[in-house]
Amino acid sequence: MKDILLDKGWLNLKVDPALDLIKEINYLKKKKNAVILAHYYQNADIQDIADYIGDSLGLAQEAQKTQSDIILFAGVHFMAETAKILNPTKKVLIPDLKAGCSLADSCPPVEFAAFKEKHPDHIVITYINCTADIKALSDIICTSSNAVQIVESLPKEQKIIFAPDKNLGAYINKKTGRDMVLWDGACMVHEIFSLEKLIKLKIQHPDALVLAHPECEELILEQADFIGSTTAILNYSKKSEHKEFIVVTETGILHQMQKSSPQKTFIPAPPNNNCACNDCPYMKLNTLEKIYIALLHEQPELIMSNEMIEKAKKPILKMLELSASFGL
């Protein structure tokens, strides 16, 4: 069963350009007991006004413990779904209904259910970057922060289906020595980094370390000095004594990296097109104007059936339980 998104044209409303959006958003947050959760890949102005900024694991943990009546999720659709699954009685808003995810779209529920039936003796671990329908077909959810630990916590003889990201799955297989069955999905942002341009950057900046996200293809990861989630990449750059870094993930993370280490240089790795850096078009759909309209009218609201919430919640709670046991 698909969730329902209420769209009554709220995003077509015009905002007075003279309005102090930051002041108004802060006022509405306080008035309505609302919290803004934002992913690292959001625009800098959204990150700066958010109550919490993080990667998928941190955002899920924050969503689970929030005491706010309204959760506005500045991210993409599957993230807002996760917040709703963990908070079925709270109102969850998403600023732009079109903020989807190419990775989530690469795993249609009907096709994945058929794929799962072909491997009846396998348990299903799915990356959190998937729809609620896929989560409902899963045994455990993971993020790039905890995927290796979750897989290693299972007996070596346990057969596993990993979905939807084949690149992350291949990286986990290599790290753990497993042979998980991989669904053929990928994130368009992390698949279009140019190996040739990355190598040229390394030649131009011989002292720079390459920090890469495990959603990247193997040939890109082979060039990396460090591979990790967005939070891990950020933390590595803070602690490292190096002063220059080539960052191979969505460019939104550079804002927090630069804020944390203003004396260091961060160079975005370019994609294999004419762009200088690699942005997620879905993540960048959210704006301060849309956040203001969403808080003002409390729309668009994400609504899900109780049946879907209950099915999708179990593997998410399993992930959160395991993450806590790992100290994550």
Protein backbone atom coordinates (compact mmCIF):
# COMPACT_ATOMS: atom_id res chain seq x y z
CA MET A 1 0.00 0.00 0.00
CA LYS A 2 1.43 3.34 -1.02
CA ASP A 3 1.44 6.25 1.34
CA ILE A 4 -0.63 9.33 0.52
CA LEU A 5 0.81 12.79 0.17
CA LEU A 6 -1.61 15.68 0.46
CA ASP A 7 -0.81 18.29 -2.18
CA LYS A 8 -3.29 21.13 -2.54
CA GLY A 9 -1.05 23.60 -4.29
CA TRP A 10 0.68 24.95 -1.19
CA LEU A 11 4.00 25.05 -2.99
CA ASN A 12 2.58 27.43 -5.61
CA LEU A 13 1.95 30.13 -3.01
CA LYS A 14 4.07 33.24 -3.37
CA VAL A 15 6.25 34.54 -0.55
CA ASP A 16 6.84 38.25 -0.08
CA PRO A 17 10.53 38.73 -1.04
CA ALA A 18 10.86 41.32 1.74
CA LEU A 19 9.90 38.75 4.39
CA ASP A 20 12.61 37.78 6.87
CA LEU A 21 12.29 34.03 6.29
CA ILE A 22 14.68 32.97 9.04
CA LYS A 23 12.84 35.08 11.62
CA GLU A 24 9.44 33.81 10.45
CA ILE A 25 10.54 30.17 10.39
CA ASN A 26 11.94 30.43 13.92
CA TYR A 27 8.71 32.06 15.07
CA LEU A 28 6.58 29.30 13.51
CA LYS A 29 8.80 26.57 14.98
CA LYS A 30 8.31 27.95 18.47
CA LYS A 31 4.60 28.66 18.04
CA LYS A 32 3.80 25.20 16.67
CA ASN A 33 6.35 23.17 18.66
CA ALA A 34 7.98 22.08 15.41
CA VAL A 35 11.44 20.69 14.75
CA ILE A 36 13.40 20.91 11.51
CA LEU A 37 15.54 17.88 10.69
CA ALA A 38 17.93 18.37 7.79
CA HIS A 39 20.30 16.13 5.89
CA TYR A 40 23.89 17.15 5.23
CA TYR A 41 23.07 17.39 1.51
CA GLN A 42 20.67 20.30 1.96
CA ASN A 43 21.56 23.83 0.91
CA ALA A 44 23.69 25.75 3.41
CA ASP A 45 20.91 28.15 4.47
CA ILE A 46 18.66 25.21 5.36
CA GLN A 47 21.43 23.50 7.33
CA ASP A 48 21.98 26.72 9.27
CA ILE A 49 18.33 27.01 10.34
CA ALA A 50 17.83 23.30 11.14
CA ASP A 51 17.51 22.05 14.71
CA TYR A 52 19.45 18.92 13.81
CA ILE A 53 21.72 18.13 10.85
CA GLY A 54 22.92 14.63 10.16
CA ASP A 55 23.14 11.55 7.98
CA SER A 56 20.43 8.92 7.70
CA LEU A 57 21.33 7.11 10.94
CA GLY A 58 21.53 10.28 13.01
CA LEU A 59 18.31 11.61 11.53
CA ALA A 60 16.45 8.38 12.29
CA GLN A 61 17.76 8.44 15.87
CA GLU A 62 16.75 12.07 16.26
CA ALA A 63 13.30 11.44 14.79
CA GLN A 64 12.79 8.59 17.24
CA LYS A 65 13.41 10.73 20.32
CA THR A 66 11.92 14.11 19.35
CA GLN A 67 9.26 15.60 21.63
CA SER A 68 8.00 18.06 19.01
CA ASP A 69 4.44 17.93 17.70
CA ILE A 70 5.50 18.65 14.12
CA ILE A 71 8.52 17.27 12.27
CA LEU A 72 9.54 19.13 9.14
CA PHE A 73 11.97 17.00 7.21
CA ALA A 74 14.37 18.89 4.97
CA GLY A 75 15.65 15.97 2.97
CA VAL A 76 14.01 13.57 0.57
CA HIS A 77 10.83 11.53 0.65
CA PHE A 78 12.12 8.28 2.17
CA MET A 79 13.60 10.24 5.08
CA ALA A 80 10.25 11.85 5.87
CA GLU A 81 8.67 8.39 5.65
CA THR A 82 11.13 7.07 8.22
CA ALA A 83 10.26 9.94 10.57
CA LYS A 84 6.55 9.18 10.19
CA ILE A 85 7.07 5.46 10.77
CA LEU A 86 8.86 6.24 14.03
CA ASN A 87 6.30 8.91 15.01
CA PRO A 88 2.88 7.78 13.75
CA THR A 89 0.98 10.23 15.98
CA LYS A 90 3.04 13.28 14.98
CA LYS A 91 2.54 15.49 11.93
CA VAL A 92 5.37 15.07 9.42
CA LEU A 93 5.83 17.74 6.75
CA ILE A 94 7.95 17.61 3.62
CA PRO A 95 8.69 20.97 1.95
CA ASP A 96 8.64 19.68 -1.64
CA LEU A 97 6.69 16.63 -2.76
CA LYS A 98 9.03 16.13 -5.71
CA ALA A 99 12.07 15.58 -3.48
CA GLY A 100 12.45 11.91 -4.28
CA CYS A 101 15.51 9.66 -4.53
CA SER A 102 17.00 7.97 -7.57
CA LEU A 103 18.27 5.09 -5.42
CA ALA A 104 14.85 4.47 -3.85
CA ASP A 105 13.27 4.65 -7.32
CA SER A 106 15.67 1.97 -8.57
CA CYS A 107 13.94 -0.65 -6.40
CA PRO A 108 10.24 -1.07 -7.34
CA PRO A 109 8.35 -2.99 -4.61
CA VAL A 110 6.64 -5.52 -6.91
CA GLU A 111 9.90 -6.42 -8.63
CA PHE A 112 11.77 -6.62 -5.35
CA ALA A 113 9.11 -8.89 -3.81
CA ALA A 114 9.56 -11.27 -6.75
CA PHE A 115 13.36 -11.08 -6.34
CA LYS A 116 13.00 -11.90 -2.66
CA GLU A 117 10.85 -14.96 -3.43
CA LYS A 118 13.67 -16.38 -5.53
CA HIS A 119 15.89 -16.46 -2.41
CA PRO A 120 13.59 -17.87 0.31
CA ASP A 121 16.45 -18.85 2.63
CA HIS A 122 17.93 -15.33 2.69
CA ILE A 123 17.21 -12.55 5.13
CA VAL A 124 16.82 -9.07 3.70
CA ILE A 125 19.02 -6.15 4.77
CA THR A 126 18.06 -2.93 3.06
CA TYR A 127 19.80 0.39 2.98
CA ILE A 128 17.61 3.07 4.54
CA ASN A 129 17.56 4.87 1.16
CA CYS A 130 14.45 2.99 0.07
CA THR A 131 10.67 3.38 0.18
CA ALA A 132 8.46 2.28 3.05
CA ASP A 133 7.18 -0.53 0.81
CA ILE A 134 10.71 -1.94 0.56
CA LYS A 135 11.31 -1.49 4.29
CA ALA A 136 8.14 -3.52 4.90
CA LEU A 137 9.70 -6.37 2.89
CA SER A 138 12.92 -6.25 4.93
CA ASP A 139 14.30 -7.90 8.06
CA ILE A 140 16.85 -5.22 9.01
CA ILE A 141 17.46 -1.68 7.80
CA CYS A 142 20.99 -0.27 7.71
CA THR A 143 22.75 2.98 6.87
CA SER A 144 26.23 3.60 5.52
CA SER A 145 27.25 4.33 9.13
CA ASN A 146 26.31 0.91 10.50
CA ALA A 147 26.01 -1.44 7.50
CA VAL A 148 29.33 -3.25 8.00
CA GLN A 149 28.69 -3.78 11.73
CA ILE A 150 25.15 -5.07 11.10
CA VAL A 151 26.31 -7.58 8.50
CA GLU A 152 29.18 -8.72 10.70
CA SER A 153 26.80 -9.21 13.63
CA LEU A 154 25.07 -12.02 11.73
CA PRO A 155 26.40 -15.60 11.53
CA LYS A 156 28.74 -16.09 8.57
CA GLU A 157 26.55 -18.87 7.25
CA GLN A 158 23.50 -16.59 7.14
CA LYS A 159 22.49 -15.90 3.54
CA ILE A 160 21.66 -12.27 2.86
CA ILE A 161 19.94 -10.18 0.20
CA PHE A 162 21.22 -6.60 0.21
CA ALA A 163 19.27 -3.83 -1.45
CA PRO A 164 18.95 -1.43 -3.11
CA ASP A 165 22.50 -0.06 -3.55
CA LYS A 166 24.78 -2.47 -5.41
CA ASN A 167 27.85 -0.30 -4.83
CA LEU A 168 27.40 -0.13 -1.07
CA GLY A 169 26.60 -3.85 -1.11
CA ALA A 170 29.79 -4.63 -3.04
CA TYR A 171 31.82 -2.52 -0.62
CA ILE A 172 30.31 -4.40 2.36
CA ASN A 173 31.00 -7.75 0.69
CA LYS A 174 34.63 -6.74 0.22
CA LYS A 175 34.98 -5.48 3.81
CA THR A 176 33.32 -8.49 5.44
CA GLY A 177 34.23 -11.32 3.07
CA ARG A 178 30.53 -12.06 2.57
CA ASP A 179 28.76 -13.00 -0.64
CA MET A 180 25.49 -11.15 -0.26
CA VAL A 181 23.05 -11.26 -3.15
CA LEU A 182 22.84 -7.69 -4.43
CA TRP A 183 19.88 -5.88 -5.91
CA ASP A 184 20.91 -3.89 -9.00
CA GLY A 185 20.23 -0.34 -7.79
CA ALA A 186 22.36 2.79 -7.46
CA CYS A 187 22.38 6.49 -6.56
CA MET A 188 22.76 8.69 -9.63
CA VAL A 189 24.82 11.23 -7.66
CA HIS A 190 27.43 8.72 -6.54
CA GLU A 191 27.55 6.85 -9.86
CA ILE A 192 28.58 9.75 -12.08
CA PHE A 193 31.88 10.75 -10.49
CA SER A 194 34.58 10.83 -13.14
CA LEU A 195 37.57 8.58 -12.49
CA GLU A 196 39.65 10.50 -15.03
CA LYS A 197 38.86 13.88 -13.44
CA LEU A 198 39.46 12.51 -9.96
CA ILE A 199 42.92 11.26 -10.94
CA LYS A 200 43.71 14.66 -12.48
CA LEU A 201 42.64 16.35 -9.24
CA LYS A 202 44.93 14.07 -7.26
CA ILE A 203 47.83 15.04 -9.53
CA GLN A 204 46.99 18.75 -9.16
CA HIS A 205 46.69 18.40 -5.37
CA PRO A 206 49.29 15.78 -4.37
CA ASP A 207 48.94 16.52 -0.65
CA ALA A 208 45.15 16.16 -0.62
CA LEU A 209 43.45 13.11 0.90
CA VAL A 210 40.51 11.60 -0.98
CA LEU A 211 37.42 11.03 1.15
CA ALA A 212 34.68 8.96 -0.50
CA HIS A 213 31.21 7.65 0.26
CA PRO A 214 30.72 3.86 -0.15
CA GLU A 215 27.84 4.45 -2.58
CA CYS A 216 30.52 5.27 -5.18
CA GLU A 217 31.65 2.72 -7.73
CA GLU A 218 34.59 0.45 -6.90
CA LEU A 219 37.03 2.16 -9.27
CA ILE A 220 36.37 5.46 -7.50
CA LEU A 221 36.70 3.88 -4.05
CA GLU A 222 40.08 2.44 -5.03
CA GLN A 223 41.36 6.02 -5.25
CA ALA A 224 40.18 6.91 -1.74
CA ASP A 225 42.30 7.37 1.37
CA PHE A 226 39.18 7.09 3.53
CA ILE A 227 35.75 5.59 2.84
CA GLY A 228 32.79 6.29 5.09
CA SER A 229 29.34 7.74 5.62
CA THR A 230 28.79 11.50 5.43
CA THR A 231 29.17 11.76 9.21
CA ALA A 232 32.31 9.62 9.15
CA ILE A 233 33.78 11.75 6.36
CA LEU A 234 33.02 14.92 8.30
CA ASN A 235 34.54 13.56 11.51
CA TYR A 236 37.63 12.30 9.67
CA SER A 237 38.24 15.73 8.17
CA LYS A 238 37.95 17.34 11.62
CA LYS A 239 40.47 15.00 13.25
CA SER A 240 42.95 14.71 10.39
CA GLU A 241 46.13 16.76 10.48
CA HIS A 242 45.95 17.12 6.70
CA LYS A 243 44.92 20.53 5.35
CA GLU A 244 43.52 19.58 1.95
CA PHE A 245 40.82 17.09 0.95
CA ILE A 246 39.09 15.93 -2.22
CA VAL A 247 35.52 15.04 -1.25
CA VAL A 248 33.73 12.36 -3.28
CA THR A 249 30.10 12.66 -2.26
CA GLU A 250 27.23 15.15 -2.62
CA THR A 251 28.52 18.68 -2.17
CA GLY A 252 26.16 19.66 0.65
CA ILE A 253 28.51 18.10 3.20
CA LEU A 254 31.21 20.65 2.34
CA HIS A 255 29.30 23.36 4.23
CA GLN A 256 29.68 21.55 7.56
CA MET A 257 33.25 20.52 6.75
CA GLN A 258 34.24 24.12 6.07
CA LYS A 259 32.44 25.37 9.19
CA SER A 260 34.18 22.76 11.34
CA SER A 261 37.63 23.30 9.80
CA PRO A 262 37.78 26.80 8.28
CA GLN A 263 41.56 26.60 7.95
CA LYS A 264 41.35 23.55 5.67
CA THR A 265 40.62 23.27 1.94
CA PHE A 266 37.84 21.02 0.61
CA ILE A 267 37.63 20.27 -3.11
CA PRO A 268 34.47 18.67 -4.52
CA ALA A 269 35.16 15.77 -6.89
CA PRO A 270 33.60 16.48 -10.30
CA PRO A 271 31.13 14.25 -12.16
CA ASN A 272 31.58 13.01 -15.72
CA ASN A 273 29.69 15.95 -17.20
CA ASN A 274 30.36 19.65 -17.58
CA CYS A 275 29.51 20.52 -13.96
CA ALA A 276 32.25 21.50 -11.53
CA CYS A 277 30.67 19.59 -8.64
CA ASN A 278 28.04 16.96 -7.98
CA ASP A 279 24.69 17.98 -6.48
CA CYS A 280 21.60 15.85 -5.84
CA PRO A 281 18.78 17.58 -7.75
CA TYR A 282 16.20 16.14 -5.35
CA MET A 283 17.94 17.33 -2.20
CA LYS A 284 18.32 20.80 -3.67
CA LEU A 285 14.56 21.17 -4.34
CA ASN A 286 13.99 22.26 -0.75
CA THR A 287 14.27 25.99 -0.06
CA LEU A 288 13.69 28.35 2.86
CA GLU A 289 10.57 29.62 1.09
CA LYS A 290 9.12 26.11 0.88
CA ILE A 291 9.97 25.42 4.52
CA TYR A 292 8.20 28.62 5.56
CA ILE A 293 5.07 27.75 3.53
CA ALA A 294 5.04 24.18 4.86
CA LEU A 295 5.24 25.36 8.49
CA LEU A 296 2.70 28.13 7.94
CA HIS A 297 0.03 25.89 6.39
CA GLU A 298 1.23 22.57 7.86
CA GLN A 299 1.18 21.11 4.38
CA PRO A 300 2.16 19.03 2.48
CA GLU A 301 1.71 16.41 5.20
CA LEU A 302 2.94 12.86 4.79
CA ILE A 303 0.24 10.36 5.72
CA MET A 304 0.74 6.60 5.86
CA SER A 305 -1.55 3.70 6.70
CA ASN A 306 -1.20 2.07 10.11
CA GLU A 307 -0.59 -1.24 8.34
CA MET A 308 2.38 0.11 6.41
CA ILE A 309 3.79 1.86 9.48
CA GLU A 310 3.71 -1.34 11.52
CA LYS A 311 5.33 -3.44 8.79
CA ALA A 312 8.07 -0.92 8.04
CA LYS A 313 8.78 -0.08 11.68
CA LYS A 314 10.08 -3.52 12.72
CA PRO A 315 13.27 -3.55 10.59
CA ILE A 316 13.98 0.11 11.47
CA LEU A 317 13.71 -0.59 15.19
CA LYS A 318 15.98 -3.59 14.71
CA MET A 319 18.58 -1.29 13.14
CA LEU A 320 18.30 1.24 15.95
CA GLU A 321 18.62 -1.53 18.54
CA LEU A 322 21.73 -2.94 16.86
CA SER A 323 23.25 0.53 16.41
CA ALA A 324 22.84 1.21 20.11
CA SER A 325 24.56 -2.07 20.92
CA PHE A 326 27.47 -1.03 18.66
CA GLY A 327 27.74 2.30 20.45
CA LEU A 328 26.71 4.22 17.32
